[in-house]
N, C-alpha and C. Protein backbone atom coordinates (compact mmCIF):
# COMPACT_ATOMS: atom_id res chain seq x y z
N MET A 1 56.93 -138.46 140.87
CA MET A 1 57.93 -137.42 140.67
C MET A 1 58.41 -137.45 139.23
N LEU A 2 58.47 -136.28 138.64
CA LEU A 2 58.93 -136.16 137.26
C LEU A 2 60.44 -136.26 137.16
N PHE A 3 61.13 -135.76 138.19
CA PHE A 3 62.58 -135.84 138.23
C PHE A 3 63.02 -135.84 139.69
N THR A 4 64.20 -136.37 139.91
CA THR A 4 64.74 -136.51 141.26
C THR A 4 65.60 -135.30 141.63
N LYS A 5 65.97 -135.25 142.87
CA LYS A 5 66.87 -134.22 143.37
C LYS A 5 68.19 -134.25 142.60
N GLU A 6 68.70 -135.45 142.36
CA GLU A 6 69.96 -135.60 141.64
C GLU A 6 69.83 -135.08 140.21
N GLN A 7 68.71 -135.40 139.56
CA GLN A 7 68.50 -134.92 138.19
C GLN A 7 68.37 -133.40 138.16
N LEU A 8 67.65 -132.84 139.11
CA LEU A 8 67.49 -131.39 139.14
C LEU A 8 68.84 -130.71 139.33
N HIS A 9 69.65 -131.28 140.19
CA HIS A 9 70.98 -130.70 140.40
C HIS A 9 71.85 -130.83 139.15
N LEU A 10 71.74 -131.93 138.43
CA LEU A 10 72.49 -132.09 137.17
C LEU A 10 71.98 -131.13 136.09
N MET A 11 70.67 -130.88 136.08
CA MET A 11 70.12 -129.94 135.10
C MET A 11 70.50 -128.50 135.43
N MET A 12 70.65 -128.21 136.73
CA MET A 12 71.03 -126.86 137.18
C MET A 12 72.24 -126.97 138.11
N PRO A 13 73.42 -127.23 137.55
CA PRO A 13 74.59 -127.47 138.40
C PRO A 13 74.99 -126.28 139.28
N SER A 14 74.60 -125.07 138.90
CA SER A 14 74.97 -123.93 139.75
C SER A 14 73.92 -123.62 140.82
N ALA A 15 72.85 -124.39 140.85
CA ALA A 15 71.84 -124.20 141.91
C ALA A 15 72.41 -124.70 143.24
N SER A 16 72.13 -123.98 144.28
CA SER A 16 72.61 -124.40 145.60
C SER A 16 71.84 -125.64 146.05
N GLU A 17 72.47 -126.41 146.90
CA GLU A 17 71.83 -127.60 147.47
C GLU A 17 70.55 -127.20 148.22
N LYS A 18 70.63 -126.08 148.93
CA LYS A 18 69.48 -125.58 149.69
C LYS A 18 68.30 -125.31 148.76
N ASN A 19 68.55 -124.63 147.63
CA ASN A 19 67.46 -124.30 146.72
C ASN A 19 66.94 -125.52 145.97
N VAL A 20 67.81 -126.45 145.64
CA VAL A 20 67.35 -127.69 145.01
C VAL A 20 66.40 -128.41 145.97
N ASN A 21 66.78 -128.50 147.23
CA ASN A 21 65.91 -129.14 148.23
C ASN A 21 64.59 -128.39 148.40
N LYS A 22 64.68 -127.06 148.43
CA LYS A 22 63.51 -126.22 148.67
C LYS A 22 62.51 -126.27 147.50
N PHE A 23 63.01 -126.35 146.27
CA PHE A 23 62.13 -126.26 145.09
C PHE A 23 61.77 -127.60 144.46
N LEU A 24 62.41 -128.68 144.85
CA LEU A 24 62.18 -129.97 144.21
C LEU A 24 60.71 -130.38 144.22
N LEU A 25 60.10 -130.48 145.36
CA LEU A 25 58.70 -130.91 145.44
C LEU A 25 57.73 -129.89 144.82
N PRO A 26 57.85 -128.59 145.15
CA PRO A 26 56.92 -127.64 144.53
C PRO A 26 57.02 -127.60 142.99
N LEU A 27 58.23 -127.77 142.47
CA LEU A 27 58.39 -127.80 141.01
C LEU A 27 57.71 -129.01 140.41
N ASN A 28 57.98 -130.17 140.96
CA ASN A 28 57.36 -131.40 140.46
C ASN A 28 55.83 -131.31 140.53
N THR A 29 55.34 -130.80 141.65
CA THR A 29 53.88 -130.69 141.85
C THR A 29 53.26 -129.72 140.84
N ALA A 30 53.87 -128.56 140.67
CA ALA A 30 53.34 -127.55 139.74
C ALA A 30 53.39 -128.04 138.30
N MET A 31 54.46 -128.72 137.94
CA MET A 31 54.58 -129.22 136.57
C MET A 31 53.54 -130.30 136.29
N GLU A 32 53.29 -131.14 137.26
CA GLU A 32 52.23 -132.15 137.09
C GLU A 32 50.87 -131.47 137.00
N GLU A 33 50.62 -130.48 137.85
CA GLU A 33 49.35 -129.75 137.83
C GLU A 33 49.07 -129.13 136.46
N PHE A 34 50.10 -128.57 135.84
CA PHE A 34 49.93 -127.89 134.56
C PHE A 34 50.43 -128.72 133.37
N LYS A 35 50.53 -130.02 133.58
CA LYS A 35 50.76 -130.99 132.51
C LYS A 35 52.06 -130.79 131.72
N ILE A 36 53.12 -130.43 132.42
CA ILE A 36 54.45 -130.35 131.82
C ILE A 36 55.14 -131.64 132.23
N VAL A 37 54.87 -132.72 131.51
CA VAL A 37 55.23 -134.05 132.00
C VAL A 37 56.09 -134.88 131.05
N LYS A 38 56.14 -134.54 129.79
CA LYS A 38 56.94 -135.31 128.83
C LYS A 38 58.39 -134.85 128.92
N PRO A 39 59.35 -135.75 128.68
CA PRO A 39 60.76 -135.37 128.81
C PRO A 39 61.17 -134.10 128.05
N LEU A 40 60.74 -133.92 126.81
CA LEU A 40 61.11 -132.70 126.07
C LEU A 40 60.46 -131.46 126.67
N GLN A 41 59.27 -131.61 127.20
CA GLN A 41 58.59 -130.49 127.86
C GLN A 41 59.34 -130.11 129.14
N ILE A 42 59.68 -131.12 129.91
CA ILE A 42 60.41 -130.89 131.17
C ILE A 42 61.75 -130.23 130.89
N ALA A 43 62.49 -130.75 129.89
CA ALA A 43 63.80 -130.21 129.54
C ALA A 43 63.70 -128.73 129.15
N ALA A 44 62.74 -128.40 128.30
CA ALA A 44 62.59 -127.01 127.86
C ALA A 44 62.17 -126.10 129.02
N PHE A 45 61.23 -126.58 129.83
CA PHE A 45 60.75 -125.79 130.97
C PHE A 45 61.88 -125.52 131.96
N ILE A 46 62.60 -126.56 132.36
CA ILE A 46 63.68 -126.40 133.34
C ILE A 46 64.80 -125.53 132.78
N ALA A 47 65.11 -125.68 131.48
CA ALA A 47 66.16 -124.87 130.86
C ALA A 47 65.80 -123.39 130.90
N GLN A 48 64.56 -123.07 130.58
CA GLN A 48 64.12 -121.67 130.63
C GLN A 48 64.08 -121.17 132.07
N LEU A 49 63.58 -122.00 132.95
CA LEU A 49 63.48 -121.64 134.35
C LEU A 49 64.86 -121.39 134.96
N ALA A 50 65.84 -122.20 134.57
CA ALA A 50 67.21 -122.03 135.08
C ALA A 50 67.73 -120.64 134.73
N HIS A 51 67.48 -120.22 133.50
CA HIS A 51 67.95 -118.89 133.10
C HIS A 51 67.17 -117.79 133.82
N GLU A 52 65.86 -117.86 133.78
CA GLU A 52 65.01 -116.80 134.34
C GLU A 52 65.21 -116.62 135.84
N SER A 53 65.48 -117.70 136.55
CA SER A 53 65.60 -117.63 138.02
C SER A 53 67.05 -117.63 138.51
N GLY A 54 68.01 -117.63 137.58
CA GLY A 54 69.40 -117.73 138.02
C GLY A 54 69.64 -119.03 138.75
N SER A 55 69.11 -120.12 138.18
CA SER A 55 69.22 -121.47 138.78
C SER A 55 68.62 -121.51 140.18
N LEU A 56 67.38 -121.06 140.26
CA LEU A 56 66.57 -121.10 141.49
C LEU A 56 67.05 -120.10 142.55
N HIS A 57 67.87 -119.16 142.15
CA HIS A 57 68.39 -118.18 143.11
C HIS A 57 67.44 -117.00 143.30
N TYR A 58 66.76 -116.58 142.23
CA TYR A 58 65.92 -115.39 142.29
C TYR A 58 64.44 -115.73 142.12
N VAL A 59 63.63 -115.26 143.04
CA VAL A 59 62.17 -115.35 142.90
C VAL A 59 61.57 -113.95 142.84
N GLU A 60 62.44 -112.95 142.88
CA GLU A 60 62.00 -111.56 142.74
C GLU A 60 63.07 -110.80 141.97
N GLU A 61 62.61 -110.01 141.03
CA GLU A 61 63.50 -109.22 140.21
C GLU A 61 64.38 -108.32 141.08
N ILE A 62 65.63 -108.21 140.73
CA ILE A 62 66.57 -107.39 141.49
C ILE A 62 66.23 -105.91 141.32
N ALA A 63 65.89 -105.50 140.10
CA ALA A 63 65.55 -104.10 139.83
C ALA A 63 64.29 -103.71 140.60
N SER A 64 64.10 -102.41 140.77
CA SER A 64 62.98 -101.90 141.57
C SER A 64 61.62 -102.10 140.92
N GLY A 65 61.60 -102.21 139.60
CA GLY A 65 60.33 -102.27 138.87
C GLY A 65 59.89 -100.93 138.34
N ALA A 66 60.66 -99.89 138.63
CA ALA A 66 60.31 -98.55 138.17
C ALA A 66 60.22 -98.46 136.65
N ASN A 67 60.97 -99.29 135.95
CA ASN A 67 60.92 -99.26 134.48
C ASN A 67 59.60 -99.80 133.92
N TYR A 68 58.75 -100.34 134.78
CA TYR A 68 57.44 -100.83 134.34
C TYR A 68 56.32 -99.82 134.59
N GLU A 69 56.67 -98.67 135.17
CA GLU A 69 55.66 -97.65 135.45
C GLU A 69 54.97 -97.24 134.17
N PHE A 70 53.68 -97.07 134.25
CA PHE A 70 52.87 -96.56 133.15
C PHE A 70 52.92 -97.41 131.89
N ARG A 71 53.26 -98.69 132.04
CA ARG A 71 53.26 -99.61 130.89
C ARG A 71 51.86 -100.11 130.67
N LYS A 72 51.15 -99.52 129.70
CA LYS A 72 49.78 -99.91 129.40
C LYS A 72 49.69 -101.38 129.01
N ASP A 73 50.72 -101.88 128.29
CA ASP A 73 50.69 -103.27 127.85
C ASP A 73 50.71 -104.25 129.02
N LEU A 74 51.20 -103.80 130.17
CA LEU A 74 51.23 -104.64 131.37
C LEU A 74 50.03 -104.37 132.29
N GLY A 75 49.24 -103.37 131.94
CA GLY A 75 48.07 -103.03 132.75
C GLY A 75 48.39 -102.21 133.98
N ASN A 76 49.58 -101.68 134.05
CA ASN A 76 49.99 -101.01 135.27
C ASN A 76 49.25 -99.70 135.54
N LEU A 77 48.67 -99.09 134.52
CA LEU A 77 47.89 -97.88 134.77
C LEU A 77 46.62 -98.18 135.54
N GLU A 78 46.08 -99.40 135.34
CA GLU A 78 44.87 -99.78 136.06
C GLU A 78 45.09 -99.79 137.57
N PHE A 79 46.31 -99.94 137.98
CA PHE A 79 46.61 -99.99 139.41
C PHE A 79 46.24 -98.69 140.12
N GLU A 80 46.27 -97.59 139.37
CA GLU A 80 45.94 -96.30 139.99
C GLU A 80 44.57 -96.35 140.67
N ALA A 81 43.65 -97.11 140.09
CA ALA A 81 42.32 -97.25 140.69
C ALA A 81 42.38 -98.03 142.00
N LEU A 82 43.39 -98.85 142.15
CA LEU A 82 43.52 -99.65 143.37
C LEU A 82 44.29 -98.92 144.47
N GLN A 83 44.94 -97.83 144.12
CA GLN A 83 45.81 -97.16 145.10
C GLN A 83 45.08 -96.75 146.36
N THR A 84 43.85 -96.32 146.26
CA THR A 84 43.13 -95.92 147.46
C THR A 84 42.97 -97.10 148.41
N ALA A 85 42.75 -98.27 147.85
CA ALA A 85 42.59 -99.46 148.69
C ALA A 85 43.92 -99.94 149.26
N HIS A 86 45.00 -99.60 148.58
CA HIS A 86 46.33 -100.07 148.99
C HIS A 86 47.28 -98.88 149.06
N ALA A 87 47.00 -97.96 149.94
CA ALA A 87 47.74 -96.70 150.01
C ALA A 87 49.23 -96.89 150.28
N ASN A 88 49.62 -98.02 150.84
CA ASN A 88 51.03 -98.23 151.14
C ASN A 88 51.84 -98.60 149.89
N HIS A 89 51.19 -98.77 148.76
CA HIS A 89 51.88 -99.10 147.51
C HIS A 89 51.61 -97.97 146.52
N SER A 90 52.63 -97.15 146.29
CA SER A 90 52.40 -95.93 145.52
C SER A 90 52.46 -96.11 144.02
N THR A 91 53.12 -97.13 143.53
CA THR A 91 53.25 -97.28 142.08
C THR A 91 53.04 -98.72 141.65
N SER A 92 52.44 -98.89 140.49
CA SER A 92 52.13 -100.24 140.01
C SER A 92 53.36 -100.97 139.49
N GLY A 93 54.29 -100.26 138.85
CA GLY A 93 55.48 -100.92 138.32
C GLY A 93 56.28 -101.61 139.41
N LYS A 94 56.46 -100.92 140.51
CA LYS A 94 57.20 -101.50 141.63
C LYS A 94 56.39 -102.58 142.34
N PHE A 95 55.09 -102.37 142.40
CA PHE A 95 54.21 -103.33 143.08
C PHE A 95 54.12 -104.63 142.29
N TYR A 96 54.09 -104.55 140.96
CA TYR A 96 53.94 -105.73 140.10
C TYR A 96 55.21 -106.02 139.30
N LYS A 97 56.35 -105.83 139.95
CA LYS A 97 57.61 -106.14 139.27
C LYS A 97 57.77 -107.65 139.15
N GLY A 98 58.80 -108.08 138.43
CA GLY A 98 59.00 -109.50 138.18
C GLY A 98 59.15 -110.33 139.45
N ARG A 99 58.28 -111.35 139.58
CA ARG A 99 58.34 -112.29 140.70
C ARG A 99 58.00 -113.67 140.20
N GLY A 100 58.38 -114.66 140.99
CA GLY A 100 58.19 -116.06 140.60
C GLY A 100 59.39 -116.54 139.81
N LEU A 101 59.42 -117.80 139.49
CA LEU A 101 60.58 -118.36 138.80
C LEU A 101 60.69 -117.93 137.34
N PHE A 102 59.60 -117.42 136.76
CA PHE A 102 59.66 -116.87 135.41
C PHE A 102 59.56 -115.35 135.42
N GLN A 103 59.64 -114.75 136.61
CA GLN A 103 59.60 -113.30 136.75
C GLN A 103 58.34 -112.70 136.12
N LEU A 104 57.18 -113.18 136.56
CA LEU A 104 55.90 -112.66 136.10
C LEU A 104 55.85 -111.16 136.39
N THR A 105 55.42 -110.37 135.41
CA THR A 105 55.49 -108.91 135.52
C THR A 105 54.18 -108.26 135.09
N GLY A 106 53.74 -107.26 135.83
CA GLY A 106 52.62 -106.42 135.43
C GLY A 106 51.28 -106.84 136.01
N TYR A 107 50.44 -105.84 136.17
CA TYR A 107 49.10 -106.03 136.73
C TYR A 107 48.31 -107.11 136.00
N TYR A 108 48.25 -107.04 134.66
CA TYR A 108 47.46 -108.02 133.90
C TYR A 108 47.91 -109.45 134.19
N ASN A 109 49.22 -109.67 134.20
CA ASN A 109 49.74 -111.02 134.45
C ASN A 109 49.46 -111.47 135.88
N TYR A 110 49.62 -110.57 136.84
CA TYR A 110 49.33 -110.93 138.24
C TYR A 110 47.86 -111.29 138.40
N LYS A 111 46.99 -110.49 137.77
CA LYS A 111 45.56 -110.74 137.89
C LYS A 111 45.18 -112.07 137.25
N ALA A 112 45.65 -112.33 136.03
CA ALA A 112 45.32 -113.58 135.34
C ALA A 112 45.89 -114.78 136.07
N CYS A 113 47.11 -114.68 136.53
CA CYS A 113 47.73 -115.79 137.25
C CYS A 113 47.00 -116.04 138.56
N GLY A 114 46.68 -114.99 139.29
CA GLY A 114 45.96 -115.14 140.55
C GLY A 114 44.61 -115.81 140.36
N THR A 115 43.92 -115.44 139.31
CA THR A 115 42.63 -116.06 139.00
C THR A 115 42.82 -117.55 138.74
N ALA A 116 43.82 -117.89 137.94
CA ALA A 116 44.08 -119.30 137.60
C ALA A 116 44.50 -120.11 138.83
N LEU A 117 45.31 -119.51 139.69
CA LEU A 117 45.81 -120.22 140.87
C LEU A 117 44.86 -120.13 142.07
N LYS A 118 43.79 -119.35 141.91
CA LYS A 118 42.81 -119.13 142.97
C LYS A 118 43.45 -118.52 144.23
N VAL A 119 44.23 -117.46 143.98
CA VAL A 119 44.87 -116.72 145.06
C VAL A 119 44.90 -115.24 144.64
N ASP A 120 44.78 -114.34 145.59
CA ASP A 120 44.73 -112.91 145.28
C ASP A 120 46.14 -112.34 145.15
N LEU A 121 46.64 -112.35 143.93
CA LEU A 121 47.96 -111.78 143.67
C LEU A 121 47.90 -110.29 143.41
N VAL A 122 46.71 -109.77 143.15
CA VAL A 122 46.56 -108.34 142.92
C VAL A 122 46.87 -107.56 144.19
N THR A 123 46.34 -108.00 145.32
CA THR A 123 46.62 -107.30 146.58
C THR A 123 47.77 -107.92 147.37
N ASN A 124 48.18 -109.14 146.99
CA ASN A 124 49.28 -109.82 147.68
C ASN A 124 50.32 -110.31 146.68
N PRO A 125 50.94 -109.41 145.91
CA PRO A 125 51.86 -109.84 144.86
C PRO A 125 53.10 -110.57 145.37
N LYS A 126 53.49 -110.32 146.60
CA LYS A 126 54.69 -110.96 147.13
C LYS A 126 54.51 -112.47 147.36
N LEU A 127 53.27 -112.95 147.26
CA LEU A 127 53.05 -114.40 147.35
C LEU A 127 53.85 -115.13 146.27
N LEU A 128 54.09 -114.46 145.14
CA LEU A 128 54.84 -115.10 144.05
C LEU A 128 56.30 -115.35 144.43
N SER A 129 56.75 -114.79 145.52
CA SER A 129 58.11 -115.04 145.98
C SER A 129 58.20 -116.28 146.86
N GLU A 130 57.06 -116.84 147.24
CA GLU A 130 57.04 -118.08 148.03
C GLU A 130 57.19 -119.27 147.08
N GLU A 131 57.86 -120.32 147.55
CA GLU A 131 58.18 -121.47 146.68
C GLU A 131 56.98 -122.01 145.91
N GLU A 132 55.89 -122.28 146.61
CA GLU A 132 54.73 -122.88 145.95
C GLU A 132 54.24 -122.02 144.80
N TYR A 133 54.05 -120.73 145.05
CA TYR A 133 53.50 -119.86 144.02
C TYR A 133 54.54 -119.46 142.98
N ALA A 134 55.80 -119.42 143.35
CA ALA A 134 56.86 -119.17 142.37
C ALA A 134 56.86 -120.29 141.32
N CYS A 135 56.69 -121.52 141.78
CA CYS A 135 56.65 -122.68 140.87
C CYS A 135 55.34 -122.75 140.10
N ARG A 136 54.24 -122.59 140.80
CA ARG A 136 52.93 -122.68 140.14
C ARG A 136 52.75 -121.56 139.11
N SER A 137 53.23 -120.36 139.41
CA SER A 137 53.08 -119.26 138.45
C SER A 137 53.87 -119.53 137.18
N ALA A 138 55.06 -120.10 137.30
CA ALA A 138 55.85 -120.43 136.12
C ALA A 138 55.18 -121.52 135.30
N ALA A 139 54.67 -122.54 135.96
CA ALA A 139 53.99 -123.63 135.26
C ALA A 139 52.69 -123.14 134.63
N TRP A 140 51.97 -122.26 135.33
CA TRP A 140 50.75 -121.67 134.76
C TRP A 140 51.07 -120.86 133.51
N PHE A 141 52.11 -120.02 133.60
CA PHE A 141 52.50 -119.19 132.46
C PHE A 141 52.80 -120.08 131.25
N TRP A 142 53.55 -121.13 131.47
CA TRP A 142 53.91 -122.08 130.42
C TRP A 142 52.65 -122.69 129.80
N TYR A 143 51.78 -123.16 130.65
CA TYR A 143 50.54 -123.81 130.20
C TYR A 143 49.62 -122.82 129.48
N SER A 144 49.50 -121.62 130.03
CA SER A 144 48.57 -120.63 129.47
C SER A 144 49.01 -120.14 128.09
N ARG A 145 50.27 -120.31 127.77
CA ARG A 145 50.79 -119.91 126.45
C ARG A 145 51.02 -121.11 125.54
N ASN A 146 50.54 -122.27 125.99
CA ASN A 146 50.64 -123.51 125.20
C ASN A 146 52.07 -123.83 124.79
N LEU A 147 53.01 -123.64 125.70
CA LEU A 147 54.42 -123.83 125.36
C LEU A 147 54.81 -125.29 125.21
N ASN A 148 53.99 -126.21 125.75
CA ASN A 148 54.26 -127.64 125.51
C ASN A 148 54.24 -127.96 124.02
N SER A 149 53.37 -127.29 123.28
CA SER A 149 53.28 -127.57 121.84
C SER A 149 54.59 -127.21 121.13
N TYR A 150 55.28 -126.19 121.58
CA TYR A 150 56.58 -125.83 121.02
C TYR A 150 57.66 -126.79 121.51
N ALA A 151 57.59 -127.15 122.78
CA ALA A 151 58.59 -128.08 123.34
C ALA A 151 58.51 -129.44 122.66
N ASP A 152 57.31 -129.90 122.37
CA ASP A 152 57.13 -131.22 121.76
C ASP A 152 57.79 -131.33 120.40
N VAL A 153 57.95 -130.21 119.70
CA VAL A 153 58.55 -130.24 118.36
C VAL A 153 59.90 -129.53 118.31
N GLY A 154 60.47 -129.25 119.49
CA GLY A 154 61.83 -128.70 119.57
C GLY A 154 61.97 -127.24 119.17
N LYS A 155 60.91 -126.47 119.23
CA LYS A 155 60.99 -125.05 118.86
C LYS A 155 61.36 -124.22 120.09
N PHE A 156 62.57 -124.45 120.56
CA PHE A 156 63.04 -123.84 121.79
C PHE A 156 63.16 -122.32 121.67
N SER A 157 63.61 -121.82 120.52
CA SER A 157 63.76 -120.36 120.37
C SER A 157 62.40 -119.66 120.41
N ASN A 158 61.36 -120.32 119.92
CA ASN A 158 60.01 -119.75 120.03
C ASN A 158 59.60 -119.62 121.49
N ILE A 159 59.96 -120.60 122.29
CA ILE A 159 59.66 -120.57 123.73
C ILE A 159 60.39 -119.40 124.38
N THR A 160 61.67 -119.24 124.03
CA THR A 160 62.46 -118.13 124.57
C THR A 160 61.78 -116.80 124.26
N LYS A 161 61.37 -116.61 123.04
CA LYS A 161 60.72 -115.36 122.62
C LYS A 161 59.43 -115.12 123.41
N LEU A 162 58.64 -116.17 123.62
CA LEU A 162 57.38 -116.01 124.33
C LEU A 162 57.57 -115.77 125.83
N ILE A 163 58.62 -116.29 126.40
CA ILE A 163 58.89 -116.08 127.82
C ILE A 163 59.60 -114.75 128.05
N ASN A 164 60.59 -114.48 127.23
CA ASN A 164 61.46 -113.33 127.44
C ASN A 164 61.02 -112.09 126.69
N GLY A 165 60.23 -112.25 125.65
CA GLY A 165 59.87 -111.10 124.82
C GLY A 165 60.93 -110.80 123.79
N GLY A 166 62.02 -111.52 123.85
CA GLY A 166 63.14 -111.37 122.93
C GLY A 166 64.01 -112.61 123.05
N PHE A 167 65.30 -112.41 122.87
CA PHE A 167 66.21 -113.55 122.92
C PHE A 167 67.37 -113.32 123.88
N ASN A 168 67.12 -112.57 124.95
CA ASN A 168 68.15 -112.35 125.97
C ASN A 168 68.61 -113.68 126.55
N GLY A 169 69.92 -113.86 126.62
CA GLY A 169 70.47 -115.06 127.22
C GLY A 169 70.32 -116.31 126.38
N SER A 170 70.15 -116.17 125.07
CA SER A 170 69.92 -117.34 124.21
C SER A 170 71.02 -118.39 124.33
N THR A 171 72.26 -117.97 124.39
CA THR A 171 73.37 -118.93 124.48
C THR A 171 73.27 -119.76 125.75
N GLU A 172 73.02 -119.09 126.87
CA GLU A 172 72.88 -119.80 128.14
C GLU A 172 71.65 -120.70 128.12
N ARG A 173 70.55 -120.20 127.60
CA ARG A 173 69.32 -120.99 127.54
C ARG A 173 69.53 -122.26 126.72
N LEU A 174 70.21 -122.13 125.58
CA LEU A 174 70.46 -123.30 124.73
C LEU A 174 71.38 -124.30 125.42
N ALA A 175 72.38 -123.80 126.14
CA ALA A 175 73.26 -124.69 126.91
C ALA A 175 72.48 -125.41 128.00
N ASN A 176 71.60 -124.69 128.67
CA ASN A 176 70.73 -125.31 129.69
C ASN A 176 69.87 -126.40 129.07
N TYR A 177 69.31 -126.10 127.90
CA TYR A 177 68.43 -127.03 127.20
C TYR A 177 69.18 -128.32 126.83
N ALA A 178 70.38 -128.17 126.28
CA ALA A 178 71.19 -129.35 125.91
C ALA A 178 71.47 -130.20 127.15
N ARG A 179 71.83 -129.54 128.25
CA ARG A 179 72.14 -130.25 129.49
C ARG A 179 70.90 -130.96 130.03
N CYS A 180 69.75 -130.29 130.02
CA CYS A 180 68.51 -130.89 130.52
C CYS A 180 68.10 -132.08 129.68
N LYS A 181 68.20 -131.96 128.38
CA LYS A 181 67.84 -133.09 127.49
C LYS A 181 68.77 -134.28 127.75
N LYS A 182 70.03 -134.02 127.97
CA LYS A 182 70.98 -135.10 128.25
C LYS A 182 70.62 -135.81 129.56
N VAL A 183 70.35 -135.03 130.60
CA VAL A 183 70.00 -135.61 131.91
C VAL A 183 68.73 -136.45 131.81
N LEU A 184 67.76 -135.98 131.02
CA LEU A 184 66.49 -136.67 130.90
C LEU A 184 66.47 -137.73 129.79
N GLY A 185 67.58 -137.86 129.09
CA GLY A 185 67.69 -138.88 128.04
C GLY A 185 66.81 -138.62 126.83
N CYS A 186 66.71 -137.36 126.41
CA CYS A 186 65.91 -137.06 125.21
C CYS A 186 66.71 -136.22 124.21
C-alpha cells in the first residue's frame, strides 16, 4: 500500500469516510499499476485528484456535457458514425462528458483510455463512474502525459495546466498539494 486510510483522510479531510473506504484500495492499486509511487508523485497526484473529484465525491461531471458537442479537439464529431450502433445516445458531448476521478472528457480520450485499460469505454462510457475505472483512468491519464516527470521536480503548476487545460482552482490545488506533501513527509 502506498498510503493508508488515515493518510488518505488527512490528505483529503473533506472526503467522506464512506468514499475514503470505497476508493482506498482501487486508488493504491491503480497508482501502483501506473507507477505513481514516489512520495512527491503521490502528493501531486492526490492533490490534483482531490480538486478534480471534489475529494472523491464526483466521478461524473455535474453538467450535462452539452458544452462538448461538436468539439473536434475531443473527437466528438466522430461519434456521429457510431450513432447508428448506439441509437439510444443522441449526442457525443453528453455521451463522453467528464467521468472518472480526473473527469476524462471526449471521444478521443475515452477511446485511448479504453484501449490502455483493455475495456470498451467507447460503447460503455459509464464504466468510468465505477471505482476501479475511475481510479485507473486517472492514473492512466497521469502516466500517459508523463506527469511523474513534473512531480519529481516540483512543477505542480505545469501538472495543473496539463490536467485542467488552464489554472482553474489553483489556490485550492496548491493547498491540497501542501497538505499532501506534509502528510507524506516530503
